[in-house]
């Protein structure tokens, strides 16, 4: 089973957007997809509740810890876990034995980037990561490719130990679709396909490591 943990050191970095759109990509690919929402804000859980019945289904479970894994349906074959904002690397440790890979979203902001670097350093010290048992990858989020800030962020992220597997452009479609319980992969228009292309390296990485 694909089991991906999504975590970041601070809020507002697009963690839940990453979770929900990854869920729609997997669900539309025919995977029986479950989202575990361990964030007290319950944003991913509410997104699932809004999801229209005529779209590929995504089951949502609320959780405070890994005990919720016992509630997974036996036919589930794709799992994405949304963790609380500000969770430390050490607090993530109980989840790590249940997942096969981890994604860390990062914004092109000096304040966010400093926090991300500290978080990555702490992650590197966790045994599952340090011993190479848990693949970790970075996702650059809300990029504006023509800006110096975004270009500098990409350069800095590529210099990190963990691979940068996606560069997602800033687009209001993510906000609009979230309010409808939908994601990019629920649509097939030319405009949406351009942004879906941003996700292809990430989906390939998840396929290899998830």
C-alpha atoms as a PDB file:
ATOM      1  CA  UNK A   1       0.000   0.000   0.000  1.00  0.00           C
ATOM      2  CA  UNK A   2       1.148   3.513  -0.803  1.00  0.00           C
ATOM      3  CA  UNK A   3       1.523   5.304   2.551  1.00  0.00           C
ATOM      4  CA  UNK A   4       2.749   8.887   2.342  1.00  0.00           C
ATOM      5  CA  UNK A   5       3.235  11.200   5.326  1.00  0.00           C
ATOM      6  CA  UNK A   6       3.065  14.953   4.623  1.00  0.00           C
ATOM      7  CA  UNK A   7       4.648  17.192   7.250  1.00  0.00           C
ATOM      8  CA  UNK A   8       6.123  20.665   7.670  1.00  0.00           C
ATOM      9  CA  UNK A   9       7.562  22.727  10.469  1.00  0.00           C
ATOM     10  CA  UNK A  10       5.032  25.554  10.256  1.00  0.00           C
ATOM     11  CA  UNK A  11       1.526  26.261   9.056  1.00  0.00           C
ATOM     12  CA  UNK A  12       0.472  27.868   5.801  1.00  0.00           C
ATOM     13  CA  UNK A  13       2.919  26.016   3.561  1.00  0.00           C
ATOM     14  CA  UNK A  14       0.275  24.190   1.528  1.00  0.00           C
ATOM     15  CA  UNK A  15       0.500  20.878   3.373  1.00  0.00           C
ATOM     16  CA  UNK A  16      -3.205  20.093   3.128  1.00  0.00           C
ATOM     17  CA  UNK A  17      -3.339  21.260  -0.496  1.00  0.00           C
ATOM     18  CA  UNK A  18      -0.603  18.752  -1.218  1.00  0.00           C
ATOM     19  CA  UNK A  19      -2.521  16.014   0.625  1.00  0.00           C
ATOM     20  CA  UNK A  20      -5.867  16.622  -1.075  1.00  0.00           C
ATOM     21  CA  UNK A  21      -4.539  16.967  -4.611  1.00  0.00           C
ATOM     22  CA  UNK A  22      -2.331  13.923  -4.212  1.00  0.00           C
ATOM     23  CA  UNK A  23      -5.430  12.073  -2.997  1.00  0.00           C
ATOM     24  CA  UNK A  24      -7.403  13.077  -6.101  1.00  0.00           C
ATOM     25  CA  UNK A  25      -4.541  11.997  -8.360  1.00  0.00           C
ATOM     26  CA  UNK A  26      -4.421   8.555  -6.748  1.00  0.00           C
ATOM     27  CA  UNK A  27      -8.203   8.163  -6.578  1.00  0.00           C
ATOM     28  CA  UNK A  28      -8.617   9.095 -10.228  1.00  0.00           C
ATOM     29  CA  UNK A  29      -5.927   6.563 -11.088  1.00  0.00           C
ATOM     30  CA  UNK A  30      -8.148   3.881  -9.587  1.00  0.00           C
ATOM     31  CA  UNK A  31      -6.482   3.595  -6.195  1.00  0.00           C
ATOM     32  CA  UNK A  32      -8.681   3.003  -3.133  1.00  0.00           C
ATOM     33  CA  UNK A  33      -7.515   6.129  -1.342  1.00  0.00           C
ATOM     34  CA  UNK A  34      -7.683   7.077   2.341  1.00  0.00           C
ATOM     35  CA  UNK A  35      -6.694  10.388   3.938  1.00  0.00           C
ATOM     36  CA  UNK A  36      -5.844  10.391   7.644  1.00  0.00           C
ATOM     37  CA  UNK A  37      -6.242  13.885   9.074  1.00  0.00           C
ATOM     38  CA  UNK A  38      -4.147  14.198  12.222  1.00  0.00           C
ATOM     39  CA  UNK A  39      -4.353  18.008  12.183  1.00  0.00           C
ATOM     40  CA  UNK A  40      -6.764  19.506  14.777  1.00  0.00           C
ATOM     41  CA  UNK A  41      -7.927  22.003  12.129  1.00  0.00           C
ATOM     42  CA  UNK A  42      -9.511  19.050  10.270  1.00  0.00           C
ATOM     43  CA  UNK A  43      -9.115  20.775   6.884  1.00  0.00           C
ATOM     44  CA  UNK A  44      -8.477  17.569   4.926  1.00  0.00           C
ATOM     45  CA  UNK A  45     -11.334  15.812   6.719  1.00  0.00           C
ATOM     46  CA  UNK A  46     -13.743  18.623   5.857  1.00  0.00           C
ATOM     47  CA  UNK A  47     -12.494  18.595   2.260  1.00  0.00           C
ATOM     48  CA  UNK A  48     -13.387  14.911   1.994  1.00  0.00           C
ATOM     49  CA  UNK A  49     -16.831  15.598   3.466  1.00  0.00           C
ATOM     50  CA  UNK A  50     -17.449  18.192   0.719  1.00  0.00           C
ATOM     51  CA  UNK A  51     -16.347  15.871  -2.062  1.00  0.00           C
ATOM     52  CA  UNK A  52     -19.180  15.272  -4.577  1.00  0.00           C
ATOM     53  CA  UNK A  53     -20.556  11.747  -4.816  1.00  0.00           C
ATOM     54  CA  UNK A  54     -20.016  11.563  -8.570  1.00  0.00           C
ATOM     55  CA  UNK A  55     -16.229  11.874  -8.253  1.00  0.00           C
ATOM     56  CA  UNK A  56     -13.646   9.229  -7.380  1.00  0.00           C
ATOM     57  CA  UNK A  57     -14.080   8.621  -3.672  1.00  0.00           C
ATOM     58  CA  UNK A  58     -11.576   9.490  -0.962  1.00  0.00           C
ATOM     59  CA  UNK A  59     -12.227   8.161   2.546  1.00  0.00           C
ATOM     60  CA  UNK A  60     -11.246  10.436   5.445  1.00  0.00           C
ATOM     61  CA  UNK A  61     -10.331   9.364   8.976  1.00  0.00           C
ATOM     62  CA  UNK A  62      -9.594  11.681  11.898  1.00  0.00           C
ATOM     63  CA  UNK A  63      -6.715  10.812  14.189  1.00  0.00           C
ATOM     64  CA  UNK A  64      -4.566  11.960  17.073  1.00  0.00           C
ATOM     65  CA  UNK A  65      -2.043   9.187  16.609  1.00  0.00           C
ATOM     66  CA  UNK A  66      -1.167   6.034  14.681  1.00  0.00           C
ATOM     67  CA  UNK A  67      -3.773   3.917  16.513  1.00  0.00           C
ATOM     68  CA  UNK A  68      -6.153   4.999  13.736  1.00  0.00           C
ATOM     69  CA  UNK A  69      -4.278   2.661  11.372  1.00  0.00           C
ATOM     70  CA  UNK A  70      -6.380  -0.164  12.797  1.00  0.00           C
ATOM     71  CA  UNK A  71      -9.445   1.470  11.219  1.00  0.00           C
ATOM     72  CA  UNK A  72      -8.117   1.365   7.668  1.00  0.00           C
ATOM     73  CA  UNK A  73     -10.393  -0.580   5.306  1.00  0.00           C
ATOM     74  CA  UNK A  74      -8.780  -3.852   4.233  1.00  0.00           C
ATOM     75  CA  UNK A  75      -9.038  -2.895   0.552  1.00  0.00           C
ATOM     76  CA  UNK A  76      -7.270   0.478   0.963  1.00  0.00           C
ATOM     77  CA  UNK A  77      -4.211   0.670  -1.271  1.00  0.00           C
ATOM     78  CA  UNK A  78      -3.252   4.354  -1.028  1.00  0.00           C
ATOM     79  CA  UNK A  79      -2.881   6.349   2.185  1.00  0.00           C
ATOM     80  CA  UNK A  80      -1.908   9.989   2.726  1.00  0.00           C
ATOM     81  CA  UNK A  81      -1.458  11.391   6.233  1.00  0.00           C
ATOM     82  CA  UNK A  82      -1.881  15.109   6.956  1.00  0.00           C
ATOM     83  CA  UNK A  83      -0.002  16.045  10.134  1.00  0.00           C
ATOM     84  CA  UNK A  84      -0.503  19.088  12.394  1.00  0.00           C
ATOM     85  CA  UNK A  85       1.226  22.358  11.570  1.00  0.00           C
ATOM     86  CA  UNK A  86       4.320  22.894  13.640  1.00  0.00           C
ATOM     87  CA  UNK A  87       4.872  19.230  14.398  1.00  0.00           C
ATOM     88  CA  UNK A  88       8.478  18.543  15.317  1.00  0.00           C
ATOM     89  CA  UNK A  89      10.501  15.759  13.753  1.00  0.00           C
ATOM     90  CA  UNK A  90      10.515  13.916  17.065  1.00  0.00           C
ATOM     91  CA  UNK A  91       6.706  14.125  17.317  1.00  0.00           C
ATOM     92  CA  UNK A  92       6.441  12.518  13.885  1.00  0.00           C
ATOM     93  CA  UNK A  93       8.422   9.472  14.964  1.00  0.00           C
ATOM     94  CA  UNK A  94       5.377   7.344  16.014  1.00  0.00           C
ATOM     95  CA  UNK A  95       3.973   7.654  12.487  1.00  0.00           C
ATOM     96  CA  UNK A  96       7.124   6.708  10.651  1.00  0.00           C
ATOM     97  CA  UNK A  97       6.872   2.950  11.138  1.00  0.00           C
ATOM     98  CA  UNK A  98       3.500   3.031   9.347  1.00  0.00           C
ATOM     99  CA  UNK A  99       4.512   4.909   6.195  1.00  0.00           C
ATOM    100  CA  UNK A 100       6.724   4.191   3.229  1.00  0.00           C
ATOM    101  CA  UNK A 101       7.709   7.762   2.298  1.00  0.00           C
ATOM    102  CA  UNK A 102       7.475  11.364   3.446  1.00  0.00           C
ATOM    103  CA  UNK A 103       6.922  14.687   1.676  1.00  0.00           C
ATOM    104  CA  UNK A 104       7.912  18.100   3.033  1.00  0.00           C
ATOM    105  CA  UNK A 105       6.379  21.160   1.332  1.00  0.00           C
ATOM    106  CA  UNK A 106       8.340  24.411   1.395  1.00  0.00           C
ATOM    107  CA  UNK A 107       7.426  27.980   0.454  1.00  0.00           C
ATOM    108  CA  UNK A 108       9.695  30.515  -1.304  1.00  0.00           C
ATOM    109  CA  UNK A 109       9.923  32.740   1.759  1.00  0.00           C
ATOM    110  CA  UNK A 110      12.969  33.480   3.883  1.00  0.00           C
ATOM    111  CA  UNK A 111      11.058  32.928   7.130  1.00  0.00           C
ATOM    112  CA  UNK A 112       9.537  29.663   5.930  1.00  0.00           C
ATOM    113  CA  UNK A 113      12.793  28.477   4.440  1.00  0.00           C
ATOM    114  CA  UNK A 114      14.739  28.972   7.669  1.00  0.00           C
ATOM    115  CA  UNK A 115      12.145  26.906   9.522  1.00  0.00           C
ATOM    116  CA  UNK A 116      12.270  24.240   6.797  1.00  0.00           C
ATOM    117  CA  UNK A 117      16.047  23.906   7.069  1.00  0.00           C
ATOM    118  CA  UNK A 118      15.828  23.417  10.836  1.00  0.00           C
ATOM    119  CA  UNK A 119      13.094  20.818  10.322  1.00  0.00           C
ATOM    120  CA  UNK A 120      15.125  18.932   7.708  1.00  0.00           C
ATOM    121  CA  UNK A 121      18.108  18.857  10.013  1.00  0.00           C
ATOM    122  CA  UNK A 122      16.019  17.306  12.768  1.00  0.00           C
ATOM    123  CA  UNK A 123      14.484  14.825  10.326  1.00  0.00           C
ATOM    124  CA  UNK A 124      17.933  13.699   9.239  1.00  0.00           C
ATOM    125  CA  UNK A 125      18.677  12.621  12.803  1.00  0.00           C
ATOM    126  CA  UNK A 126      15.672  10.287  13.073  1.00  0.00           C
ATOM    127  CA  UNK A 127      16.824   6.652  12.797  1.00  0.00           C
ATOM    128  CA  UNK A 128      14.366   5.716  10.007  1.00  0.00           C
ATOM    129  CA  UNK A 129      15.662   8.606   7.891  1.00  0.00           C
ATOM    130  CA  UNK A 130      19.320   8.428   8.878  1.00  0.00           C
ATOM    131  CA  UNK A 131      19.440   4.704   8.090  1.00  0.00           C
ATOM    132  CA  UNK A 132      17.772   5.205   4.705  1.00  0.00           C
ATOM    133  CA  UNK A 133      14.650   3.227   5.562  1.00  0.00           C
ATOM    134  CA  UNK A 134      12.310   6.182   4.986  1.00  0.00           C
ATOM    135  CA  UNK A 135      12.657   8.169   1.743  1.00  0.00           C
ATOM    136  CA  UNK A 136      12.020  11.912   2.218  1.00  0.00           C
ATOM    137  CA  UNK A 137      11.470  14.421  -0.588  1.00  0.00           C
ATOM    138  CA  UNK A 138      10.874  18.159  -0.863  1.00  0.00           C
ATOM    139  CA  UNK A 139       8.057  19.912  -2.714  1.00  0.00           C
ATOM    140  CA  UNK A 140       8.462  23.593  -3.598  1.00  0.00           C
ATOM    141  CA  UNK A 141       5.007  25.114  -3.273  1.00  0.00           C
ATOM    142  CA  UNK A 142       3.260  28.314  -4.421  1.00  0.00           C
ATOM    143  CA  UNK A 143       6.053  29.283  -6.753  1.00  0.00           C
ATOM    144  CA  UNK A 144       5.998  32.252  -9.081  1.00  0.00           C
ATOM    145  CA  UNK A 145       8.693  31.082 -11.491  1.00  0.00           C
ATOM    146  CA  UNK A 146       9.549  34.501 -12.930  1.00  0.00           C
ATOM    147  CA  UNK A 147      10.364  36.005  -9.542  1.00  0.00           C
ATOM    148  CA  UNK A 148      13.842  36.140  -8.034  1.00  0.00           C
ATOM    149  CA  UNK A 149      12.470  34.833  -4.733  1.00  0.00           C
ATOM    150  CA  UNK A 150      11.127  31.647  -6.301  1.00  0.00           C
ATOM    151  CA  UNK A 151      14.261  31.058  -8.367  1.00  0.00           C
ATOM    152  CA  UNK A 152      16.454  31.495  -5.297  1.00  0.00           C
ATOM    153  CA  UNK A 153      14.239  29.112  -3.340  1.00  0.00           C
ATOM    154  CA  UNK A 154      14.574  26.439  -6.014  1.00  0.00           C
ATOM    155  CA  UNK A 155      18.354  26.808  -6.028  1.00  0.00           C
ATOM    156  CA  UNK A 156      18.490  26.517  -2.238  1.00  0.00           C
ATOM    157  CA  UNK A 157      16.157  23.507  -2.120  1.00  0.00           C
ATOM    158  CA  UNK A 158      18.138  21.686  -4.792  1.00  0.00           C
ATOM    159  CA  UNK A 159      21.216  22.083  -2.602  1.00  0.00           C
ATOM    160  CA  UNK A 160      19.632  20.102   0.258  1.00  0.00           C
ATOM    161  CA  UNK A 161      20.360  16.474   1.060  1.00  0.00           C
ATOM    162  CA  UNK A 162      16.769  15.447   0.301  1.00  0.00           C
ATOM    163  CA  UNK A 163      15.647  15.526  -3.357  1.00  0.00           C
ATOM    164  CA  UNK A 164      13.372  18.244  -4.700  1.00  0.00           C
ATOM    165  CA  UNK A 165      10.702  16.253  -6.555  1.00  0.00           C
ATOM    166  CA  UNK A 166       8.180  18.912  -7.573  1.00  0.00           C
ATOM    167  CA  UNK A 167       7.880  22.617  -8.268  1.00  0.00           C
ATOM    168  CA  UNK A 168       4.230  23.632  -7.908  1.00  0.00           C
ATOM    169  CA  UNK A 169       3.223  27.029  -9.237  1.00  0.00           C
ATOM    170  CA  UNK A 170       0.987  29.402  -7.300  1.00  0.00           C
ATOM    171  CA  UNK A 171      -2.570  29.288  -8.647  1.00  0.00           C
ATOM    172  CA  UNK A 172      -5.933  30.271  -7.204  1.00  0.00           C
ATOM    173  CA  UNK A 173      -7.467  27.109  -8.668  1.00  0.00           C
ATOM    174  CA  UNK A 174      -6.193  25.207  -5.632  1.00  0.00           C
ATOM    175  CA  UNK A 175      -8.181  27.446  -3.270  1.00  0.00           C
ATOM    176  CA  UNK A 176     -11.313  27.361  -5.413  1.00  0.00           C
ATOM    177  CA  UNK A 177     -11.272  23.588  -5.845  1.00  0.00           C
ATOM    178  CA  UNK A 178     -10.611  22.953  -2.149  1.00  0.00           C
ATOM    179  CA  UNK A 179     -13.897  24.682  -1.319  1.00  0.00           C
ATOM    180  CA  UNK A 180     -15.699  22.223  -3.591  1.00  0.00           C
ATOM    181  CA  UNK A 181     -14.048  19.099  -2.235  1.00  0.00           C
ATOM    182  CA  UNK A 182     -12.158  18.718  -5.491  1.00  0.00           C
ATOM    183  CA  UNK A 183      -8.617  18.762  -6.807  1.00  0.00           C
ATOM    184  CA  UNK A 184      -6.716  19.369 -10.029  1.00  0.00           C
ATOM    185  CA  UNK A 185      -7.051  15.774 -11.148  1.00  0.00           C
ATOM    186  CA  UNK A 186     -10.836  15.899 -11.159  1.00  0.00           C
ATOM    187  CA  UNK A 187     -10.652  18.039 -14.319  1.00  0.00           C
ATOM    188  CA  UNK A 188      -9.235  17.646 -17.811  1.00  0.00           C
ATOM    189  CA  UNK A 189      -9.203  21.131 -19.325  1.00  0.00           C
ATOM    190  CA  UNK A 190      -6.098  22.442 -21.065  1.00  0.00           C
ATOM    191  CA  UNK A 191      -5.490  25.035 -18.344  1.00  0.00           C
ATOM    192  CA  UNK A 192      -5.691  22.459 -15.559  1.00  0.00           C
ATOM    193  CA  UNK A 193      -3.482  20.012 -17.474  1.00  0.00           C
ATOM    194  CA  UNK A 194      -0.682  22.571 -17.481  1.00  0.00           C
ATOM    195  CA  UNK A 195      -0.691  22.553 -13.686  1.00  0.00           C
ATOM    196  CA  UNK A 196      -1.123  18.784 -13.563  1.00  0.00           C
ATOM    197  CA  UNK A 197       2.181  18.566 -15.418  1.00  0.00           C
ATOM    198  CA  UNK A 198       3.850  20.178 -12.384  1.00  0.00           C
ATOM    199  CA  UNK A 199       2.809  17.101 -10.393  1.00  0.00           C
ATOM    200  CA  UNK A 200       4.170  14.430 -12.730  1.00  0.00           C
ATOM    201  CA  UNK A 201       7.662  14.186 -11.130  1.00  0.00           C
ATOM    202  CA  UNK A 202       6.051  14.016  -7.684  1.00  0.00           C
ATOM    203  CA  UNK A 203       3.651  11.253  -8.735  1.00  0.00           C
ATOM    204  CA  UNK A 204       6.515   9.279 -10.275  1.00  0.00           C
ATOM    205  CA  UNK A 205       8.493   9.617  -7.025  1.00  0.00           C
ATOM    206  CA  UNK A 206       5.492   8.472  -4.979  1.00  0.00           C
ATOM    207  CA  UNK A 207       5.018   5.515  -7.304  1.00  0.00           C
ATOM    208  CA  UNK A 208       8.617   4.445  -6.707  1.00  0.00           C
ATOM    209  CA  UNK A 209       8.706   5.037  -2.966  1.00  0.00           C
ATOM    210  CA  UNK A 210       5.096   5.047  -1.760  1.00  0.00           C
END
